[in-house]
């Protein structure tokens, strides 16, 4: 079966076209498009009209790619910004009427579960793991063994766009994580959220990062095996730069997210410190891969 799975996040619309062959995904196209659906949602609790326009446009682009590749089914999983917005029904109606697609808003628990499934699907040598996915509006933590539902799955309302907007953490800023600066406030929110994670979860396997944040941090570190020391060094360096200068450092991965890059680094650093891990491994798989696998398994 050829499937298009679309993850509509707080910052990006990620679209995967893949075949399911012998229980494994064969990726044909994997696109990331920036939409910043979560613009102002943490403050206002509503989706902005211009943000909805951007998402409908990005979904139309994804649908055109999918149809060009002959997909048999298109599935959408919308996450944090859509969960939080009181007017998400307006966007669902537009997507249905203009594109003929079901704009499905998934729960935080399902987002954590599917991100876990997708991350391990693309890391065949990892039998067990603790998987984190730092998005624009939320962060998911899940742990367990390959080939089974995670033993633990939780979604936390801390994400790069949410915390950058809440605390004014757009660089350049004070790089410190203690005191009264914006990054210290970001770190404090993340520590408070991570208090919900039982200590035994962190020892269930190696730490695996999935999603755009993990991809960007791995790019900064120069590889998929990312040491905590490198994350701290990147935070110190990027805190002195403007978003434009950060984009110029790595335009392929920073375009559209340079303003939230510091919050991303702080969230991931705080996760590693809470877990006791000295490094994480970045997976190319993620929520969209999990959506595709689940859709294929449910097909008649």
C-alpha atoms as a PDB file:
ATOM      1  CA  UNK A   1       0.000   0.000   0.000  1.00  0.00           C
ATOM      2  CA  UNK A   2       1.220   3.490  -0.864  1.00  0.00           C
ATOM      3  CA  UNK A   3       0.376   5.986   1.872  1.00  0.00           C
ATOM      4  CA  UNK A   4       0.834   9.705   2.444  1.00  0.00           C
ATOM      5  CA  UNK A   5       1.074  10.555   6.147  1.00  0.00           C
ATOM      6  CA  UNK A   6       1.025  14.229   7.113  1.00  0.00           C
ATOM      7  CA  UNK A   7       2.044  15.540  10.530  1.00  0.00           C
ATOM      8  CA  UNK A   8       0.608  19.031  11.085  1.00  0.00           C
ATOM      9  CA  UNK A   9       2.621  20.443  13.945  1.00  0.00           C
ATOM     10  CA  UNK A  10       2.886  23.790  15.668  1.00  0.00           C
ATOM     11  CA  UNK A  11       5.703  24.979  13.395  1.00  0.00           C
ATOM     12  CA  UNK A  12       5.834  22.643  10.396  1.00  0.00           C
ATOM     13  CA  UNK A  13       3.774  20.444   8.097  1.00  0.00           C
ATOM     14  CA  UNK A  14       5.714  17.225   7.512  1.00  0.00           C
ATOM     15  CA  UNK A  15       4.582  14.966   4.682  1.00  0.00           C
ATOM     16  CA  UNK A  16       5.745  11.401   4.039  1.00  0.00           C
ATOM     17  CA  UNK A  17       4.916   9.239   1.022  1.00  0.00           C
ATOM     18  CA  UNK A  18       5.907   5.611   1.512  1.00  0.00           C
ATOM     19  CA  UNK A  19       5.175   2.057   0.469  1.00  0.00           C
ATOM     20  CA  UNK A  20       4.712  -0.629   3.091  1.00  0.00           C
ATOM     21  CA  UNK A  21       6.709  -3.676   2.003  1.00  0.00           C
ATOM     22  CA  UNK A  22       7.193  -6.739   4.239  1.00  0.00           C
ATOM     23  CA  UNK A  23       6.274  -4.737   7.323  1.00  0.00           C
ATOM     24  CA  UNK A  24       8.778  -1.966   6.565  1.00  0.00           C
ATOM     25  CA  UNK A  25       8.390   1.509   5.116  1.00  0.00           C
ATOM     26  CA  UNK A  26      10.045   2.317   1.807  1.00  0.00           C
ATOM     27  CA  UNK A  27      10.196   6.113   1.702  1.00  0.00           C
ATOM     28  CA  UNK A  28       9.451   7.771  -1.651  1.00  0.00           C
ATOM     29  CA  UNK A  29       9.152  11.407  -0.533  1.00  0.00           C
ATOM     30  CA  UNK A  30       9.679  13.174   2.786  1.00  0.00           C
ATOM     31  CA  UNK A  31       9.000  16.916   2.847  1.00  0.00           C
ATOM     32  CA  UNK A  32       9.022  19.606   5.524  1.00  0.00           C
ATOM     33  CA  UNK A  33       7.081  22.835   5.012  1.00  0.00           C
ATOM     34  CA  UNK A  34       6.946  25.708   7.482  1.00  0.00           C
ATOM     35  CA  UNK A  35       3.535  27.045   8.488  1.00  0.00           C
ATOM     36  CA  UNK A  36       3.818  28.205  12.158  1.00  0.00           C
ATOM     37  CA  UNK A  37       0.249  27.124  12.874  1.00  0.00           C
ATOM     38  CA  UNK A  38       0.907  27.724  16.567  1.00  0.00           C
ATOM     39  CA  UNK A  39       1.471  31.455  16.115  1.00  0.00           C
ATOM     40  CA  UNK A  40       0.003  33.060  19.258  1.00  0.00           C
ATOM     41  CA  UNK A  41      -1.882  29.930  20.363  1.00  0.00           C
ATOM     42  CA  UNK A  42      -0.202  29.733  23.794  1.00  0.00           C
ATOM     43  CA  UNK A  43      -1.433  33.252  24.564  1.00  0.00           C
ATOM     44  CA  UNK A  44      -4.763  33.444  22.746  1.00  0.00           C
ATOM     45  CA  UNK A  45      -5.919  29.818  22.628  1.00  0.00           C
ATOM     46  CA  UNK A  46      -6.988  30.291  19.006  1.00  0.00           C
ATOM     47  CA  UNK A  47      -5.538  29.699  15.541  1.00  0.00           C
ATOM     48  CA  UNK A  48      -4.794  32.922  13.674  1.00  0.00           C
ATOM     49  CA  UNK A  49      -6.517  33.260  10.263  1.00  0.00           C
ATOM     50  CA  UNK A  50      -3.193  33.746   8.483  1.00  0.00           C
ATOM     51  CA  UNK A  51      -1.780  30.629  10.185  1.00  0.00           C
ATOM     52  CA  UNK A  52      -4.732  28.572   8.953  1.00  0.00           C
ATOM     53  CA  UNK A  53      -4.185  29.971   5.456  1.00  0.00           C
ATOM     54  CA  UNK A  54      -0.571  28.812   5.569  1.00  0.00           C
ATOM     55  CA  UNK A  55      -1.527  25.302   6.679  1.00  0.00           C
ATOM     56  CA  UNK A  56      -4.167  24.888   3.979  1.00  0.00           C
ATOM     57  CA  UNK A  57      -1.600  26.017   1.408  1.00  0.00           C
ATOM     58  CA  UNK A  58       1.056  23.587   2.700  1.00  0.00           C
ATOM     59  CA  UNK A  59      -1.454  20.740   2.797  1.00  0.00           C
ATOM     60  CA  UNK A  60      -2.420  21.460  -0.804  1.00  0.00           C
ATOM     61  CA  UNK A  61       1.249  21.201  -1.777  1.00  0.00           C
ATOM     62  CA  UNK A  62       1.596  17.913   0.105  1.00  0.00           C
ATOM     63  CA  UNK A  63      -1.552  16.546  -1.520  1.00  0.00           C
ATOM     64  CA  UNK A  64      -0.277  17.449  -4.992  1.00  0.00           C
ATOM     65  CA  UNK A  65       2.963  15.571  -4.312  1.00  0.00           C
ATOM     66  CA  UNK A  66       1.031  12.566  -2.997  1.00  0.00           C
ATOM     67  CA  UNK A  67      -1.290  12.408  -5.983  1.00  0.00           C
ATOM     68  CA  UNK A  68       1.651  12.700  -8.346  1.00  0.00           C
ATOM     69  CA  UNK A  69       3.124   9.604  -6.714  1.00  0.00           C
ATOM     70  CA  UNK A  70      -0.128   7.642  -6.895  1.00  0.00           C
ATOM     71  CA  UNK A  71      -0.917   7.292  -3.194  1.00  0.00           C
ATOM     72  CA  UNK A  72      -3.859   5.133  -2.195  1.00  0.00           C
ATOM     73  CA  UNK A  73      -4.572   6.821   1.113  1.00  0.00           C
ATOM     74  CA  UNK A  74      -3.807  10.149   2.821  1.00  0.00           C
ATOM     75  CA  UNK A  75      -3.856  10.460   6.617  1.00  0.00           C
ATOM     76  CA  UNK A  76      -3.349  13.589   8.715  1.00  0.00           C
ATOM     77  CA  UNK A  77      -2.299  13.746  12.351  1.00  0.00           C
ATOM     78  CA  UNK A  78      -2.580  17.259  13.792  1.00  0.00           C
ATOM     79  CA  UNK A  79      -0.881  17.888  17.109  1.00  0.00           C
ATOM     80  CA  UNK A  80      -0.360  20.450  19.869  1.00  0.00           C
ATOM     81  CA  UNK A  81      -1.530  23.735  18.320  1.00  0.00           C
ATOM     82  CA  UNK A  82      -4.624  22.025  16.922  1.00  0.00           C
ATOM     83  CA  UNK A  83      -5.337  20.348  20.272  1.00  0.00           C
ATOM     84  CA  UNK A  84      -5.105  23.662  22.132  1.00  0.00           C
ATOM     85  CA  UNK A  85      -7.045  25.900  19.737  1.00  0.00           C
ATOM     86  CA  UNK A  86     -10.704  26.558  20.480  1.00  0.00           C
ATOM     87  CA  UNK A  87     -11.400  27.283  16.802  1.00  0.00           C
ATOM     88  CA  UNK A  88      -9.726  24.227  15.261  1.00  0.00           C
ATOM     89  CA  UNK A  89     -13.108  23.256  13.822  1.00  0.00           C
ATOM     90  CA  UNK A  90     -12.758  26.123  11.339  1.00  0.00           C
ATOM     91  CA  UNK A  91      -9.528  24.635  10.020  1.00  0.00           C
ATOM     92  CA  UNK A  92     -11.001  21.135   9.928  1.00  0.00           C
ATOM     93  CA  UNK A  93     -13.927  22.412   7.852  1.00  0.00           C
ATOM     94  CA  UNK A  94     -11.641  24.237   5.416  1.00  0.00           C
ATOM     95  CA  UNK A  95      -9.421  21.200   4.914  1.00  0.00           C
ATOM     96  CA  UNK A  96     -12.464  18.993   4.331  1.00  0.00           C
ATOM     97  CA  UNK A  97     -14.198  21.428   1.964  1.00  0.00           C
ATOM     98  CA  UNK A  98     -11.162  22.696   0.030  1.00  0.00           C
ATOM     99  CA  UNK A  99      -8.988  19.576  -0.070  1.00  0.00           C
ATOM    100  CA  UNK A 100     -11.326  16.679   0.668  1.00  0.00           C
ATOM    101  CA  UNK A 101      -9.178  15.487   3.577  1.00  0.00           C
ATOM    102  CA  UNK A 102      -9.999  14.492   7.151  1.00  0.00           C
ATOM    103  CA  UNK A 103      -8.056  16.814   9.469  1.00  0.00           C
ATOM    104  CA  UNK A 104      -7.701  14.442  12.431  1.00  0.00           C
ATOM    105  CA  UNK A 105      -6.481  15.929  15.718  1.00  0.00           C
ATOM    106  CA  UNK A 106      -4.649  13.249  17.689  1.00  0.00           C
ATOM    107  CA  UNK A 107      -4.279  13.090  21.448  1.00  0.00           C
ATOM    108  CA  UNK A 108      -0.976  13.765  23.170  1.00  0.00           C
ATOM    109  CA  UNK A 109      -0.781  10.122  24.234  1.00  0.00           C
ATOM    110  CA  UNK A 110      -1.264   8.960  20.644  1.00  0.00           C
ATOM    111  CA  UNK A 111       1.330  11.448  19.429  1.00  0.00           C
ATOM    112  CA  UNK A 112       3.856  10.021  21.907  1.00  0.00           C
ATOM    113  CA  UNK A 113       2.977   6.440  20.943  1.00  0.00           C
ATOM    114  CA  UNK A 114       3.182   7.019  17.191  1.00  0.00           C
ATOM    115  CA  UNK A 115       6.410   9.022  17.446  1.00  0.00           C
ATOM    116  CA  UNK A 116       7.920   6.111  19.373  1.00  0.00           C
ATOM    117  CA  UNK A 117       6.755   3.646  16.714  1.00  0.00           C
ATOM    118  CA  UNK A 118       8.112   5.779  13.882  1.00  0.00           C
ATOM    119  CA  UNK A 119      11.438   6.531  15.543  1.00  0.00           C
ATOM    120  CA  UNK A 120      12.273   2.878  16.202  1.00  0.00           C
ATOM    121  CA  UNK A 121      11.053   1.841  12.749  1.00  0.00           C
ATOM    122  CA  UNK A 122      13.983   3.780  11.304  1.00  0.00           C
ATOM    123  CA  UNK A 123      16.515   2.482  13.861  1.00  0.00           C
ATOM    124  CA  UNK A 124      16.437  -1.305  13.322  1.00  0.00           C
ATOM    125  CA  UNK A 125      19.490  -1.922  15.518  1.00  0.00           C
ATOM    126  CA  UNK A 126      17.848  -0.426  18.637  1.00  0.00           C
ATOM    127  CA  UNK A 127      15.708  -3.006  20.510  1.00  0.00           C
ATOM    128  CA  UNK A 128      14.594  -0.716  23.360  1.00  0.00           C
ATOM    129  CA  UNK A 129      14.665   3.042  23.819  1.00  0.00           C
ATOM    130  CA  UNK A 130      13.420   6.133  25.571  1.00  0.00           C
ATOM    131  CA  UNK A 131      12.178   8.358  22.750  1.00  0.00           C
ATOM    132  CA  UNK A 132      11.627  12.102  22.967  1.00  0.00           C
ATOM    133  CA  UNK A 133      10.071  14.379  20.356  1.00  0.00           C
ATOM    134  CA  UNK A 134      10.380  18.120  20.970  1.00  0.00           C
ATOM    135  CA  UNK A 135       7.851  19.941  18.825  1.00  0.00           C
ATOM    136  CA  UNK A 136       6.721  23.520  18.562  1.00  0.00           C
ATOM    137  CA  UNK A 137       3.944  23.200  21.123  1.00  0.00           C
ATOM    138  CA  UNK A 138       4.604  20.024  23.079  1.00  0.00           C
ATOM    139  CA  UNK A 139       7.208  17.419  23.942  1.00  0.00           C
ATOM    140  CA  UNK A 140       6.479  13.700  23.909  1.00  0.00           C
ATOM    141  CA  UNK A 141       8.307  11.075  25.976  1.00  0.00           C
ATOM    142  CA  UNK A 142       7.774   7.337  25.407  1.00  0.00           C
ATOM    143  CA  UNK A 143       9.715   4.227  26.365  1.00  0.00           C
ATOM    144  CA  UNK A 144       9.603   0.529  25.655  1.00  0.00           C
ATOM    145  CA  UNK A 145      10.590  -2.209  23.236  1.00  0.00           C
ATOM    146  CA  UNK A 146      10.545  -2.411  19.472  1.00  0.00           C
ATOM    147  CA  UNK A 147       7.502  -4.121  18.010  1.00  0.00           C
ATOM    148  CA  UNK A 148       5.186  -3.295  20.894  1.00  0.00           C
ATOM    149  CA  UNK A 149       3.238  -0.349  22.212  1.00  0.00           C
ATOM    150  CA  UNK A 150       5.397   1.781  24.508  1.00  0.00           C
ATOM    151  CA  UNK A 151       5.240   0.883  28.176  1.00  0.00           C
ATOM    152  CA  UNK A 152       5.088   4.599  28.963  1.00  0.00           C
ATOM    153  CA  UNK A 153       3.868   7.498  26.807  1.00  0.00           C
ATOM    154  CA  UNK A 154       3.279  11.085  27.877  1.00  0.00           C
ATOM    155  CA  UNK A 155       2.815  14.457  26.179  1.00  0.00           C
ATOM    156  CA  UNK A 156       4.003  17.595  27.971  1.00  0.00           C
ATOM    157  CA  UNK A 157       2.903  21.129  27.082  1.00  0.00           C
ATOM    158  CA  UNK A 158       6.405  22.486  26.542  1.00  0.00           C
ATOM    159  CA  UNK A 159       7.573  23.179  22.998  1.00  0.00           C
ATOM    160  CA  UNK A 160       9.884  25.477  21.101  1.00  0.00           C
ATOM    161  CA  UNK A 161       7.328  27.947  19.738  1.00  0.00           C
ATOM    162  CA  UNK A 162       5.210  27.923  22.903  1.00  0.00           C
ATOM    163  CA  UNK A 163       8.112  28.681  25.254  1.00  0.00           C
ATOM    164  CA  UNK A 164       9.864  31.135  22.936  1.00  0.00           C
ATOM    165  CA  UNK A 165       6.681  33.211  22.701  1.00  0.00           C
ATOM    166  CA  UNK A 166       5.902  32.873  26.406  1.00  0.00           C
ATOM    167  CA  UNK A 167       9.320  34.014  27.626  1.00  0.00           C
ATOM    168  CA  UNK A 168      10.618  36.181  24.782  1.00  0.00           C
ATOM    169  CA  UNK A 169      13.501  33.778  24.172  1.00  0.00           C
ATOM    170  CA  UNK A 170      14.389  35.035  20.683  1.00  0.00           C
ATOM    171  CA  UNK A 171      18.176  35.453  20.406  1.00  0.00           C
ATOM    172  CA  UNK A 172      20.405  37.197  21.202  1.00  0.00           C
ATOM    173  CA  UNK A 173      19.729  36.552  24.897  1.00  0.00           C
ATOM    174  CA  UNK A 174      21.545  35.706  28.121  1.00  0.00           C
ATOM    175  CA  UNK A 175      22.681  32.070  27.624  1.00  0.00           C
ATOM    176  CA  UNK A 176      22.370  31.184  31.322  1.00  0.00           C
ATOM    177  CA  UNK A 177      19.850  28.648  32.589  1.00  0.00           C
ATOM    178  CA  UNK A 178      19.859  29.997  36.132  1.00  0.00           C
ATOM    179  CA  UNK A 179      18.664  33.407  37.244  1.00  0.00           C
ATOM    180  CA  UNK A 180      16.024  35.599  35.641  1.00  0.00           C
ATOM    181  CA  UNK A 181      16.825  35.483  31.913  1.00  0.00           C
ATOM    182  CA  UNK A 182      14.451  34.123  29.258  1.00  0.00           C
ATOM    183  CA  UNK A 183      16.354  30.856  28.778  1.00  0.00           C
ATOM    184  CA  UNK A 184      16.322  30.293  32.534  1.00  0.00           C
ATOM    185  CA  UNK A 185      12.537  30.688  32.426  1.00  0.00           C
ATOM    186  CA  UNK A 186      12.323  28.195  29.551  1.00  0.00           C
ATOM    187  CA  UNK A 187      14.446  25.697  31.493  1.00  0.00           C
ATOM    188  CA  UNK A 188      12.308  26.141  34.611  1.00  0.00           C
ATOM    189  CA  UNK A 189       9.126  25.349  32.676  1.00  0.00           C
ATOM    190  CA  UNK A 190      10.720  22.239  31.177  1.00  0.00           C
ATOM    191  CA  UNK A 191      11.997  20.999  34.543  1.00  0.00           C
ATOM    192  CA  UNK A 192       8.524  21.429  36.018  1.00  0.00           C
ATOM    193  CA  UNK A 193       6.957  19.477  33.149  1.00  0.00           C
ATOM    194  CA  UNK A 194       9.539  16.688  33.344  1.00  0.00           C
ATOM    195  CA  UNK A 195       8.643  16.157  36.999  1.00  0.00           C
ATOM    196  CA  UNK A 196       5.689  14.150  35.608  1.00  0.00           C
ATOM    197  CA  UNK A 197       8.070  11.504  34.226  1.00  0.00           C
ATOM    198  CA  UNK A 198       8.714   8.641  36.700  1.00  0.00           C
ATOM    199  CA  UNK A 199      12.458   8.084  37.288  1.00  0.00           C
ATOM    200  CA  UNK A 200      12.279   4.464  36.128  1.00  0.00           C
ATOM    201  CA  UNK A 201      11.274   5.578  32.614  1.00  0.00           C
ATOM    202  CA  UNK A 202      14.704   7.072  31.955  1.00  0.00           C
ATOM    203  CA  UNK A 203      16.524   3.756  32.446  1.00  0.00           C
ATOM    204  CA  UNK A 204      14.388   1.795  29.954  1.00  0.00           C
ATOM    205  CA  UNK A 205      16.969   2.113  27.160  1.00  0.00           C
ATOM    206  CA  UNK A 206      19.183   4.563  25.289  1.00  0.00           C
ATOM    207  CA  UNK A 207      17.821   8.046  24.638  1.00  0.00           C
ATOM    208  CA  UNK A 208      16.561   8.581  21.076  1.00  0.00           C
ATOM    209  CA  UNK A 209      15.473  11.924  19.668  1.00  0.00           C
ATOM    210  CA  UNK A 210      12.971  12.201  16.847  1.00  0.00           C
ATOM    211  CA  UNK A 211      11.375  15.050  14.943  1.00  0.00           C
ATOM    212  CA  UNK A 212      12.689  18.305  13.560  1.00  0.00           C
ATOM    213  CA  UNK A 213      14.336  19.494  16.774  1.00  0.00           C
ATOM    214  CA  UNK A 214      16.462  16.367  17.082  1.00  0.00           C
ATOM    215  CA  UNK A 215      17.363  16.628  13.391  1.00  0.00           C
ATOM    216  CA  UNK A 216      18.526  20.234  13.742  1.00  0.00           C
ATOM    217  CA  UNK A 217      20.576  19.571  16.868  1.00  0.00           C
ATOM    218  CA  UNK A 218      22.186  16.552  15.222  1.00  0.00           C
ATOM    219  CA  UNK A 219      23.085  18.763  12.262  1.00  0.00           C
ATOM    220  CA  UNK A 220      24.733  21.281  14.590  1.00  0.00           C
ATOM    221  CA  UNK A 221      26.653  18.440  16.256  1.00  0.00           C
ATOM    222  CA  UNK A 222      27.786  17.005  12.939  1.00  0.00           C
ATOM    223  CA  UNK A 223      26.194  13.569  13.303  1.00  0.00           C
ATOM    224  CA  UNK A 224      23.312  11.517  14.670  1.00  0.00           C
ATOM    225  CA  UNK A 225      25.138  10.685  17.935  1.00  0.00           C
ATOM    226  CA  UNK A 226      24.806  13.926  19.912  1.00  0.00           C
ATOM    227  CA  UNK A 227      26.716  14.505  23.181  1.00  0.00           C
ATOM    228  CA  UNK A 228      25.273  16.682  25.935  1.00  0.00           C
ATOM    229  CA  UNK A 229      28.455  18.768  25.923  1.00  0.00           C
ATOM    230  CA  UNK A 230      27.817  19.672  22.276  1.00  0.00           C
ATOM    231  CA  UNK A 231      24.263  20.788  23.055  1.00  0.00           C
ATOM    232  CA  UNK A 232      25.532  23.074  25.814  1.00  0.00           C
ATOM    233  CA  UNK A 233      28.211  24.501  23.526  1.00  0.00           C
ATOM    234  CA  UNK A 234      25.660  25.164  20.766  1.00  0.00           C
ATOM    235  CA  UNK A 235      23.387  26.954  23.236  1.00  0.00           C
ATOM    236  CA  UNK A 236      26.232  29.198  24.409  1.00  0.00           C
ATOM    237  CA  UNK A 237      27.189  30.028  20.834  1.00  0.00           C
ATOM    238  CA  UNK A 238      23.750  30.638  19.368  1.00  0.00           C
ATOM    239  CA  UNK A 239      22.652  32.806  22.296  1.00  0.00           C
ATOM    240  CA  UNK A 240      25.003  35.549  21.061  1.00  0.00           C
ATOM    241  CA  UNK A 241      23.600  35.585  17.512  1.00  0.00           C
ATOM    242  CA  UNK A 242      20.556  37.077  15.809  1.00  0.00           C
ATOM    243  CA  UNK A 243      18.025  34.804  14.082  1.00  0.00           C
ATOM    244  CA  UNK A 244      19.411  35.979  10.748  1.00  0.00           C
ATOM    245  CA  UNK A 245      22.946  34.990  11.739  1.00  0.00           C
ATOM    246  CA  UNK A 246      21.723  31.617  13.017  1.00  0.00           C
ATOM    247  CA  UNK A 247      19.947  30.986   9.719  1.00  0.00           C
ATOM    248  CA  UNK A 248      23.122  31.869   7.817  1.00  0.00           C
ATOM    249  CA  UNK A 249      25.066  29.248   9.809  1.00  0.00           C
ATOM    250  CA  UNK A 250      22.896  26.394   8.544  1.00  0.00           C
ATOM    251  CA  UNK A 251      20.205  27.602   6.124  1.00  0.00           C
ATOM    252  CA  UNK A 252      19.120  24.062   5.215  1.00  0.00           C
ATOM    253  CA  UNK A 253      17.897  23.342   8.742  1.00  0.00           C
ATOM    254  CA  UNK A 254      17.505  26.757  10.399  1.00  0.00           C
ATOM    255  CA  UNK A 255      15.290  28.527   7.875  1.00  0.00           C
ATOM    256  CA  UNK A 256      11.894  28.951   9.545  1.00  0.00           C
ATOM    257  CA  UNK A 257      13.074  27.961  13.012  1.00  0.00           C
ATOM    258  CA  UNK A 258      16.094  30.146  13.903  1.00  0.00           C
ATOM    259  CA  UNK A 259      13.972  32.238  16.278  1.00  0.00           C
ATOM    260  CA  UNK A 260      13.054  29.129  18.312  1.00  0.00           C
ATOM    261  CA  UNK A 261      16.440  27.366  18.090  1.00  0.00           C
ATOM    262  CA  UNK A 262      17.556  28.359  21.573  1.00  0.00           C
ATOM    263  CA  UNK A 263      14.398  27.063  23.221  1.00  0.00           C
ATOM    264  CA  UNK A 264      14.938  23.820  21.295  1.00  0.00           C
ATOM    265  CA  UNK A 265      18.464  23.462  22.661  1.00  0.00           C
ATOM    266  CA  UNK A 266      17.347  24.285  26.202  1.00  0.00           C
ATOM    267  CA  UNK A 267      14.498  21.756  26.120  1.00  0.00           C
ATOM    268  CA  UNK A 268      16.736  18.959  24.847  1.00  0.00           C
ATOM    269  CA  UNK A 269      19.551  19.827  27.255  1.00  0.00           C
ATOM    270  CA  UNK A 270      17.083  19.744  30.147  1.00  0.00           C
ATOM    271  CA  UNK A 271      15.716  16.364  29.017  1.00  0.00           C
ATOM    272  CA  UNK A 272      19.219  14.880  28.947  1.00  0.00           C
ATOM    273  CA  UNK A 273      20.061  16.324  32.355  1.00  0.00           C
ATOM    274  CA  UNK A 274      16.815  14.986  33.847  1.00  0.00           C
ATOM    275  CA  UNK A 275      17.424  11.537  32.375  1.00  0.00           C
ATOM    276  CA  UNK A 276      21.077  11.353  33.374  1.00  0.00           C
ATOM    277  CA  UNK A 277      22.055  10.627  29.758  1.00  0.00           C
ATOM    278  CA  UNK A 278      25.261  12.050  28.315  1.00  0.00           C
ATOM    279  CA  UNK A 279      24.082  11.799  24.701  1.00  0.00           C
ATOM    280  CA  UNK A 280      21.179  10.957  22.442  1.00  0.00           C
ATOM    281  CA  UNK A 281      20.841   9.320  19.031  1.00  0.00           C
ATOM    282  CA  UNK A 282      18.743  11.117  16.411  1.00  0.00           C
ATOM    283  CA  UNK A 283      16.319   8.984  14.393  1.00  0.00           C
ATOM    284  CA  UNK A 284      15.154   9.869  10.891  1.00  0.00           C
ATOM    285  CA  UNK A 285      11.764   8.383  11.762  1.00  0.00           C
ATOM    286  CA  UNK A 286       9.017  10.165  13.618  1.00  0.00           C
ATOM    287  CA  UNK A 287       5.318  10.814  13.945  1.00  0.00           C
ATOM    288  CA  UNK A 288       4.614  10.713  10.206  1.00  0.00           C
ATOM    289  CA  UNK A 289       6.281   7.283   9.969  1.00  0.00           C
ATOM    290  CA  UNK A 290       4.180   6.051  12.873  1.00  0.00           C
ATOM    291  CA  UNK A 291       1.029   7.409  11.240  1.00  0.00           C
ATOM    292  CA  UNK A 292       1.902   5.608   8.008  1.00  0.00           C
ATOM    293  CA  UNK A 293       2.596   2.304   9.738  1.00  0.00           C
ATOM    294  CA  UNK A 294      -0.635   2.432  11.713  1.00  0.00           C
ATOM    295  CA  UNK A 295      -2.688   3.392   8.660  1.00  0.00           C
ATOM    296  CA  UNK A 296      -1.188   0.543   6.651  1.00  0.00           C
ATOM    297  CA  UNK A 297      -1.823  -1.992   9.409  1.00  0.00           C
ATOM    298  CA  UNK A 298      -5.457  -0.882   9.675  1.00  0.00           C
ATOM    299  CA  UNK A 299      -6.096  -1.132   5.931  1.00  0.00           C
ATOM    300  CA  UNK A 300      -8.415  -3.960   4.794  1.00  0.00           C
END
